C-alpha atoms as a PDB file:
ATOM      1  CA  UNK A   1       0.000   0.000   0.000  1.00  0.00           C
ATOM      2  CA  UNK A   2       1.277   3.461  -0.915  1.00  0.00           C
ATOM      3  CA  UNK A   3       2.177   5.827   1.936  1.00  0.00           C
ATOM      4  CA  UNK A   4      -0.236   8.706   2.530  1.00  0.00           C
ATOM      5  CA  UNK A   5       0.281  12.291   3.663  1.00  0.00           C
ATOM      6  CA  UNK A   6      -1.449  15.415   4.916  1.00  0.00           C
ATOM      7  CA  UNK A   7      -0.173  18.929   4.122  1.00  0.00           C
ATOM      8  CA  UNK A   8      -1.164  21.818   6.400  1.00  0.00           C
ATOM      9  CA  UNK A   9      -0.328  25.404   5.441  1.00  0.00           C
ATOM     10  CA  UNK A  10      -2.471  28.527   5.389  1.00  0.00           C
ATOM     11  CA  UNK A  11      -0.906  29.612   2.055  1.00  0.00           C
ATOM     12  CA  UNK A  12      -2.476  27.731  -0.910  1.00  0.00           C
ATOM     13  CA  UNK A  13       0.454  28.540  -3.212  1.00  0.00           C
ATOM     14  CA  UNK A  14       2.915  27.050  -0.739  1.00  0.00           C
ATOM     15  CA  UNK A  15       0.794  23.909  -0.357  1.00  0.00           C
ATOM     16  CA  UNK A  16       0.740  23.528  -4.139  1.00  0.00           C
ATOM     17  CA  UNK A  17       4.494  24.070  -4.398  1.00  0.00           C
ATOM     18  CA  UNK A  18       5.191  21.405  -1.780  1.00  0.00           C
ATOM     19  CA  UNK A  19       2.833  18.983  -3.527  1.00  0.00           C
ATOM     20  CA  UNK A  20       4.672  19.474  -6.822  1.00  0.00           C
ATOM     21  CA  UNK A  21       8.057  18.910  -5.193  1.00  0.00           C
ATOM     22  CA  UNK A  22       6.858  15.780  -3.395  1.00  0.00           C
ATOM     23  CA  UNK A  23       5.360  14.425  -6.625  1.00  0.00           C
ATOM     24  CA  UNK A  24       8.791  14.629  -8.228  1.00  0.00           C
ATOM     25  CA  UNK A  25      10.844  13.332  -5.308  1.00  0.00           C
ATOM     26  CA  UNK A  26       8.379  10.776  -3.917  1.00  0.00           C
ATOM     27  CA  UNK A  27       5.844   9.852  -6.621  1.00  0.00           C
ATOM     28  CA  UNK A  28       4.511   6.900  -4.582  1.00  0.00           C
ATOM     29  CA  UNK A  29       3.281   9.253  -1.844  1.00  0.00           C
ATOM     30  CA  UNK A  30      -0.453   9.979  -1.971  1.00  0.00           C
ATOM     31  CA  UNK A  31      -1.545  13.384  -0.641  1.00  0.00           C
ATOM     32  CA  UNK A  32      -4.911  12.514   0.921  1.00  0.00           C
ATOM     33  CA  UNK A  33      -5.667  15.760   2.757  1.00  0.00           C
ATOM     34  CA  UNK A  34      -4.849  19.487   2.739  1.00  0.00           C
ATOM     35  CA  UNK A  35      -5.535  21.805   5.657  1.00  0.00           C
ATOM     36  CA  UNK A  36      -5.507  25.596   6.002  1.00  0.00           C
ATOM     37  CA  UNK A  37      -4.992  25.666   9.759  1.00  0.00           C
ATOM     38  CA  UNK A  38      -4.318  23.521  12.794  1.00  0.00           C
ATOM     39  CA  UNK A  39      -7.966  22.721  13.509  1.00  0.00           C
ATOM     40  CA  UNK A  40      -8.557  21.498   9.968  1.00  0.00           C
ATOM     41  CA  UNK A  41      -5.347  19.482  10.162  1.00  0.00           C
ATOM     42  CA  UNK A  42      -6.569  17.693  13.286  1.00  0.00           C
ATOM     43  CA  UNK A  43     -10.022  16.994  11.839  1.00  0.00           C
ATOM     44  CA  UNK A  44      -8.615  15.699   8.540  1.00  0.00           C
ATOM     45  CA  UNK A  45      -5.974  13.651  10.334  1.00  0.00           C
ATOM     46  CA  UNK A  46      -8.611  11.892  12.431  1.00  0.00           C
ATOM     47  CA  UNK A  47     -10.629  11.211   9.274  1.00  0.00           C
ATOM     48  CA  UNK A  48      -7.896  10.182   6.832  1.00  0.00           C
ATOM     49  CA  UNK A  49      -5.248   8.800   9.224  1.00  0.00           C
ATOM     50  CA  UNK A  50      -2.244   9.664   6.995  1.00  0.00           C
ATOM     51  CA  UNK A  51       1.177   8.145   7.552  1.00  0.00           C
ATOM     52  CA  UNK A  52       3.015  11.473   7.220  1.00  0.00           C
ATOM     53  CA  UNK A  53       2.080  15.066   8.081  1.00  0.00           C
ATOM     54  CA  UNK A  54       3.838  18.120   6.635  1.00  0.00           C
ATOM     55  CA  UNK A  55       2.956  21.043   8.929  1.00  0.00           C
ATOM     56  CA  UNK A  56       3.551  24.762   8.887  1.00  0.00           C
ATOM     57  CA  UNK A  57       4.267  26.103  12.382  1.00  0.00           C
ATOM     58  CA  UNK A  58       2.332  29.374  12.261  1.00  0.00           C
ATOM     59  CA  UNK A  59      -1.259  28.918  11.124  1.00  0.00           C
ATOM     60  CA  UNK A  60      -4.545  30.591  12.151  1.00  0.00           C
ATOM     61  CA  UNK A  61      -6.100  29.103  15.267  1.00  0.00           C
ATOM     62  CA  UNK A  62      -4.112  26.102  16.415  1.00  0.00           C
ATOM     63  CA  UNK A  63      -0.446  26.004  15.425  1.00  0.00           C
ATOM     64  CA  UNK A  64       1.419  23.180  13.754  1.00  0.00           C
ATOM     65  CA  UNK A  65       3.016  22.396  17.123  1.00  0.00           C
ATOM     66  CA  UNK A  66      -0.472  22.008  18.622  1.00  0.00           C
ATOM     67  CA  UNK A  67      -1.556  19.744  15.771  1.00  0.00           C
ATOM     68  CA  UNK A  68       1.547  17.581  16.129  1.00  0.00           C
ATOM     69  CA  UNK A  69       0.840  17.215  19.820  1.00  0.00           C
ATOM     70  CA  UNK A  70      -2.597  15.830  18.907  1.00  0.00           C
ATOM     71  CA  UNK A  71      -1.124  13.396  16.370  1.00  0.00           C
ATOM     72  CA  UNK A  72       1.379  12.010  18.868  1.00  0.00           C
ATOM     73  CA  UNK A  73       3.017   8.865  17.544  1.00  0.00           C
ATOM     74  CA  UNK A  74       0.232   8.083  15.098  1.00  0.00           C
ATOM     75  CA  UNK A  75       2.038   9.808  12.221  1.00  0.00           C
ATOM     76  CA  UNK A  76       5.501  10.940  11.156  1.00  0.00           C
ATOM     77  CA  UNK A  77       5.645  14.733  11.355  1.00  0.00           C
ATOM     78  CA  UNK A  78       7.756  17.130   9.314  1.00  0.00           C
ATOM     79  CA  UNK A  79       7.615  20.855  10.006  1.00  0.00           C
ATOM     80  CA  UNK A  80       7.934  23.060   6.929  1.00  0.00           C
ATOM     81  CA  UNK A  81       8.192  26.658   8.085  1.00  0.00           C
ATOM     82  CA  UNK A  82       9.717  30.070   7.488  1.00  0.00           C
ATOM     83  CA  UNK A  83      10.644  30.360  11.164  1.00  0.00           C
ATOM     84  CA  UNK A  84      13.981  29.010  12.343  1.00  0.00           C
ATOM     85  CA  UNK A  85      13.566  29.201  16.136  1.00  0.00           C
ATOM     86  CA  UNK A  86      11.063  26.427  16.840  1.00  0.00           C
ATOM     87  CA  UNK A  87      13.385  23.483  16.217  1.00  0.00           C
ATOM     88  CA  UNK A  88      13.618  22.335  19.843  1.00  0.00           C
ATOM     89  CA  UNK A  89       9.822  22.492  20.254  1.00  0.00           C
ATOM     90  CA  UNK A  90       9.437  20.611  16.989  1.00  0.00           C
ATOM     91  CA  UNK A  91      11.748  17.786  17.976  1.00  0.00           C
ATOM     92  CA  UNK A  92      10.138  17.641  21.406  1.00  0.00           C
ATOM     93  CA  UNK A  93       7.036  16.604  19.443  1.00  0.00           C
ATOM     94  CA  UNK A  94       9.167  13.815  17.917  1.00  0.00           C
ATOM     95  CA  UNK A  95       9.281  15.461  14.504  1.00  0.00           C
ATOM     96  CA  UNK A  96      11.236  13.604  11.845  1.00  0.00           C
ATOM     97  CA  UNK A  97      12.589  16.839  10.377  1.00  0.00           C
ATOM     98  CA  UNK A  98      12.362  20.629  10.379  1.00  0.00           C
ATOM     99  CA  UNK A  99      12.624  22.192   6.913  1.00  0.00           C
ATOM    100  CA  UNK A 100      12.892  25.906   6.241  1.00  0.00           C
ATOM    101  CA  UNK A 101      11.041  27.733   3.489  1.00  0.00           C
ATOM    102  CA  UNK A 102      11.684  28.225   0.657  1.00  0.00           C
ATOM    103  CA  UNK A 103      12.063  24.463   0.433  1.00  0.00           C
ATOM    104  CA  UNK A 104      15.065  23.370  -1.620  1.00  0.00           C
ATOM    105  CA  UNK A 105      14.683  20.097  -3.575  1.00  0.00           C
ATOM    106  CA  UNK A 106      17.921  18.653  -2.193  1.00  0.00           C
ATOM    107  CA  UNK A 107      16.826  19.400   1.364  1.00  0.00           C
ATOM    108  CA  UNK A 108      13.392  17.865   0.818  1.00  0.00           C
ATOM    109  CA  UNK A 109      15.032  14.785  -0.701  1.00  0.00           C
ATOM    110  CA  UNK A 110      16.964  14.281   2.564  1.00  0.00           C
ATOM    111  CA  UNK A 111      13.706  14.475   4.498  1.00  0.00           C
ATOM    112  CA  UNK A 112      11.987  12.002   2.185  1.00  0.00           C
ATOM    113  CA  UNK A 113      14.878   9.580   2.587  1.00  0.00           C
ATOM    114  CA  UNK A 114      14.519   9.697   6.376  1.00  0.00           C
ATOM    115  CA  UNK A 115      10.747   9.238   6.129  1.00  0.00           C
ATOM    116  CA  UNK A 116      11.159   6.189   3.902  1.00  0.00           C
ATOM    117  CA  UNK A 117      13.615   4.676   6.372  1.00  0.00           C
ATOM    118  CA  UNK A 118      11.223   5.269   9.268  1.00  0.00           C
ATOM    119  CA  UNK A 119       8.229   3.853   7.385  1.00  0.00           C
ATOM    120  CA  UNK A 120      10.258   0.780   6.408  1.00  0.00           C
ATOM    121  CA  UNK A 121      11.312   0.288  10.023  1.00  0.00           C
ATOM    122  CA  UNK A 122       7.696   0.521  11.140  1.00  0.00           C
ATOM    123  CA  UNK A 123       6.811  -2.268   8.745  1.00  0.00           C
ATOM    124  CA  UNK A 124       9.117  -4.604  10.656  1.00  0.00           C
ATOM    125  CA  UNK A 125       7.847  -6.492  13.728  1.00  0.00           C
ATOM    126  CA  UNK A 126       7.681  -4.047  16.631  1.00  0.00           C
ATOM    127  CA  UNK A 127      10.372  -4.282  19.285  1.00  0.00           C
ATOM    128  CA  UNK A 128       9.477  -2.938  22.721  1.00  0.00           C
ATOM    129  CA  UNK A 129      11.860  -0.079  23.605  1.00  0.00           C
ATOM    130  CA  UNK A 130      14.062  -0.432  26.658  1.00  0.00           C
ATOM    131  CA  UNK A 131      12.304   0.853  29.805  1.00  0.00           C
ATOM    132  CA  UNK A 132      14.955   0.307  32.487  1.00  0.00           C
ATOM    133  CA  UNK A 133      18.744   0.390  32.534  1.00  0.00           C
ATOM    134  CA  UNK A 134      20.441  -1.899  35.047  1.00  0.00           C
ATOM    135  CA  UNK A 135      23.318  -0.267  36.937  1.00  0.00           C
ATOM    136  CA  UNK A 136      25.535  -2.467  39.093  1.00  0.00           C
ATOM    137  CA  UNK A 137      27.657  -0.882  41.857  1.00  0.00           C
ATOM    138  CA  UNK A 138      29.421  -3.590  43.832  1.00  0.00           C
ATOM    139  CA  UNK A 139      26.701  -5.818  45.273  1.00  0.00           C
ATOM    140  CA  UNK A 140      23.990  -3.181  44.691  1.00  0.00           C
ATOM    141  CA  UNK A 141      21.777  -3.277  41.621  1.00  0.00           C
ATOM    142  CA  UNK A 142      19.858  -0.161  40.590  1.00  0.00           C
ATOM    143  CA  UNK A 143      17.178   0.132  37.925  1.00  0.00           C
ATOM    144  CA  UNK A 144      17.163   3.535  36.213  1.00  0.00           C
ATOM    145  CA  UNK A 145      13.975   4.420  34.347  1.00  0.00           C
ATOM    146  CA  UNK A 146      14.858   5.309  30.763  1.00  0.00           C
ATOM    147  CA  UNK A 147      12.422   8.244  30.776  1.00  0.00           C
ATOM    148  CA  UNK A 148      14.494  10.136  33.379  1.00  0.00           C
ATOM    149  CA  UNK A 149      17.823   9.629  31.578  1.00  0.00           C
ATOM    150  CA  UNK A 150      19.023  12.948  30.127  1.00  0.00           C
ATOM    151  CA  UNK A 151      22.000  11.735  28.104  1.00  0.00           C
ATOM    152  CA  UNK A 152      24.266   8.746  27.539  1.00  0.00           C
ATOM    153  CA  UNK A 153      27.944   9.179  26.740  1.00  0.00           C
ATOM    154  CA  UNK A 154      30.627   6.714  25.751  1.00  0.00           C
ATOM    155  CA  UNK A 155      33.675   7.180  27.976  1.00  0.00           C
ATOM    156  CA  UNK A 156      36.715   4.948  27.408  1.00  0.00           C
ATOM    157  CA  UNK A 157      35.759   1.426  28.539  1.00  0.00           C
ATOM    158  CA  UNK A 158      32.446   2.482  30.040  1.00  0.00           C
ATOM    159  CA  UNK A 159      29.174   4.136  29.055  1.00  0.00           C
ATOM    160  CA  UNK A 160      27.990   6.961  31.316  1.00  0.00           C
ATOM    161  CA  UNK A 161      24.250   7.125  32.073  1.00  0.00           C
ATOM    162  CA  UNK A 162      23.273  10.597  33.344  1.00  0.00           C
ATOM    163  CA  UNK A 163      19.946  11.602  34.824  1.00  0.00           C
ATOM    164  CA  UNK A 164      18.675  14.457  36.970  1.00  0.00           C
ATOM    165  CA  UNK A 165      20.638  14.276  40.190  1.00  0.00           C
ATOM    166  CA  UNK A 166      22.747  11.253  39.364  1.00  0.00           C
ATOM    167  CA  UNK A 167      24.946   9.286  36.996  1.00  0.00           C
ATOM    168  CA  UNK A 168      26.446   5.834  36.734  1.00  0.00           C
ATOM    169  CA  UNK A 169      28.725   3.832  34.487  1.00  0.00           C
ATOM    170  CA  UNK A 170      27.743   0.626  32.707  1.00  0.00           C
ATOM    171  CA  UNK A 171      29.713  -1.708  30.477  1.00  0.00           C
ATOM    172  CA  UNK A 172      27.070  -1.923  27.745  1.00  0.00           C
ATOM    173  CA  UNK A 173      28.414  -0.185  24.599  1.00  0.00           C
ATOM    174  CA  UNK A 174      26.660   2.998  23.499  1.00  0.00           C
ATOM    175  CA  UNK A 175      25.664   1.527  20.149  1.00  0.00           C
ATOM    176  CA  UNK A 176      24.039  -1.476  21.819  1.00  0.00           C
ATOM    177  CA  UNK A 177      22.048   0.753  24.181  1.00  0.00           C
ATOM    178  CA  UNK A 178      20.960   3.075  21.362  1.00  0.00           C
ATOM    179  CA  UNK A 179      19.532   0.147  19.406  1.00  0.00           C
ATOM    180  CA  UNK A 180      17.225  -0.637  22.343  1.00  0.00           C
ATOM    181  CA  UNK A 181      15.996   2.930  22.963  1.00  0.00           C
ATOM    182  CA  UNK A 182      12.926   4.627  21.517  1.00  0.00           C
ATOM    183  CA  UNK A 183      14.208   6.502  18.401  1.00  0.00           C
ATOM    184  CA  UNK A 184      11.478   9.128  18.835  1.00  0.00           C
ATOM    185  CA  UNK A 185      12.862  10.002  22.274  1.00  0.00           C
ATOM    186  CA  UNK A 186      16.625   9.398  22.073  1.00  0.00           C
ATOM    187  CA  UNK A 187      18.845  10.611  19.226  1.00  0.00           C
ATOM    188  CA  UNK A 188      22.556  10.369  18.611  1.00  0.00           C
ATOM    189  CA  UNK A 189      24.155  13.827  18.286  1.00  0.00           C
ATOM    190  CA  UNK A 190      27.841  12.882  18.383  1.00  0.00           C
ATOM    191  CA  UNK A 191      29.746   9.634  17.890  1.00  0.00           C
ATOM    192  CA  UNK A 192      29.975   9.363  21.678  1.00  0.00           C
ATOM    193  CA  UNK A 193      26.739  11.081  22.809  1.00  0.00           C
ATOM    194  CA  UNK A 194      23.031  10.202  22.787  1.00  0.00           C
ATOM    195  CA  UNK A 195      20.518  12.681  24.222  1.00  0.00           C
ATOM    196  CA  UNK A 196      16.921  12.512  25.422  1.00  0.00           C
ATOM    197  CA  UNK A 197      15.070  15.144  23.340  1.00  0.00           C
ATOM    198  CA  UNK A 198      12.744  15.981  26.223  1.00  0.00           C
ATOM    199  CA  UNK A 199      15.773  16.898  28.394  1.00  0.00           C
ATOM    200  CA  UNK A 200      16.967  19.679  26.062  1.00  0.00           C
ATOM    201  CA  UNK A 201      16.620  23.298  27.151  1.00  0.00           C
ATOM    202  CA  UNK A 202      18.027  24.816  23.960  1.00  0.00           C
ATOM    203  CA  UNK A 203      20.487  24.184  21.159  1.00  0.00           C
ATOM    204  CA  UNK A 204      23.119  26.769  20.188  1.00  0.00           C
ATOM    205  CA  UNK A 205      24.519  26.768  16.658  1.00  0.00           C
ATOM    206  CA  UNK A 206      28.291  27.351  16.490  1.00  0.00           C
ATOM    207  CA  UNK A 207      30.367  28.947  13.738  1.00  0.00           C
ATOM    208  CA  UNK A 208      32.171  25.756  12.693  1.00  0.00           C
ATOM    209  CA  UNK A 209      29.044  23.890  11.477  1.00  0.00           C
ATOM    210  CA  UNK A 210      28.586  22.194  14.824  1.00  0.00           C
ATOM    211  CA  UNK A 211      26.310  22.971  17.771  1.00  0.00           C
ATOM    212  CA  UNK A 212      26.020  22.497  21.508  1.00  0.00           C
ATOM    213  CA  UNK A 213      23.107  21.249  23.603  1.00  0.00           C
ATOM    214  CA  UNK A 214      22.144  22.842  26.917  1.00  0.00           C
ATOM    215  CA  UNK A 215      20.072  20.663  29.235  1.00  0.00           C
ATOM    216  CA  UNK A 216      17.158  21.573  31.499  1.00  0.00           C
ATOM    217  CA  UNK A 217      18.351  19.852  34.674  1.00  0.00           C
ATOM    218  CA  UNK A 218      22.091  19.222  34.297  1.00  0.00           C
ATOM    219  CA  UNK A 219      25.053  21.600  33.821  1.00  0.00           C
ATOM    220  CA  UNK A 220      26.829  19.649  31.072  1.00  0.00           C
ATOM    221  CA  UNK A 221      26.970  21.145  27.576  1.00  0.00           C
ATOM    222  CA  UNK A 222      26.804  18.361  24.998  1.00  0.00           C
ATOM    223  CA  UNK A 223      28.468  18.555  21.581  1.00  0.00           C
ATOM    224  CA  UNK A 224      26.615  18.123  18.292  1.00  0.00           C
ATOM    225  CA  UNK A 225      29.058  17.121  15.582  1.00  0.00           C
ATOM    226  CA  UNK A 226      28.735  18.174  11.947  1.00  0.00           C
ATOM    227  CA  UNK A 227      27.596  14.735  10.801  1.00  0.00           C
ATOM    228  CA  UNK A 228      24.649  14.833  13.237  1.00  0.00           C
ATOM    229  CA  UNK A 229      23.676  18.479  12.796  1.00  0.00           C
ATOM    230  CA  UNK A 230      20.777  17.472  10.535  1.00  0.00           C
ATOM    231  CA  UNK A 231      18.927  16.379  13.708  1.00  0.00           C
ATOM    232  CA  UNK A 232      18.467  20.062  14.542  1.00  0.00           C
ATOM    233  CA  UNK A 233      18.376  21.432  11.005  1.00  0.00           C
ATOM    234  CA  UNK A 234      16.554  24.726  10.859  1.00  0.00           C
ATOM    235  CA  UNK A 235      17.747  26.153  14.172  1.00  0.00           C
END
């Protein structure tokens, strides 16, 4: 079955332009609904149940952020907007991508590639994400809830698990842990760092095509390397 999509933008010309670009880059995608604002987007989403939603941020009535909050995990969301300062909010809603207008074909092609990968992964048998991380300290075993973990960092022979008010080292390699985590919640931002999106306060773009992450509840500043900067594209 062909993947389906909803486009929400209060500018008809911009909706049409995005449809034309998607038709060229992703001809298999069926646009099943178009909305002029957040309320229409929610109503059409509940009716059509599309796989993918392309949302403007600023729309009359409810915003694209509000609409994405309603969709939750029932669709893959991409924000397509002229505003560059909503990236953290967007990714807090588990957005796949954040694309700035005017949309460049090469940039949209990157987004489509990520969407195809995510849709293909969803077609595989579901694997329950890791909920607890076991931390052994001598004869004491602790279970750390994954939801409270703010970041995970590879450090020499160990992997550091950091949460609000605490941290511990485990021997499980970072890559092995990442494979067990919910990809909508935890993303890799550096070869040695994985961060919980909900733990981010803000992201600061640096001059050398890298960035740094500031957390809500911990003092560490985490690096975002150039090869992972696409996670926060549009900042």
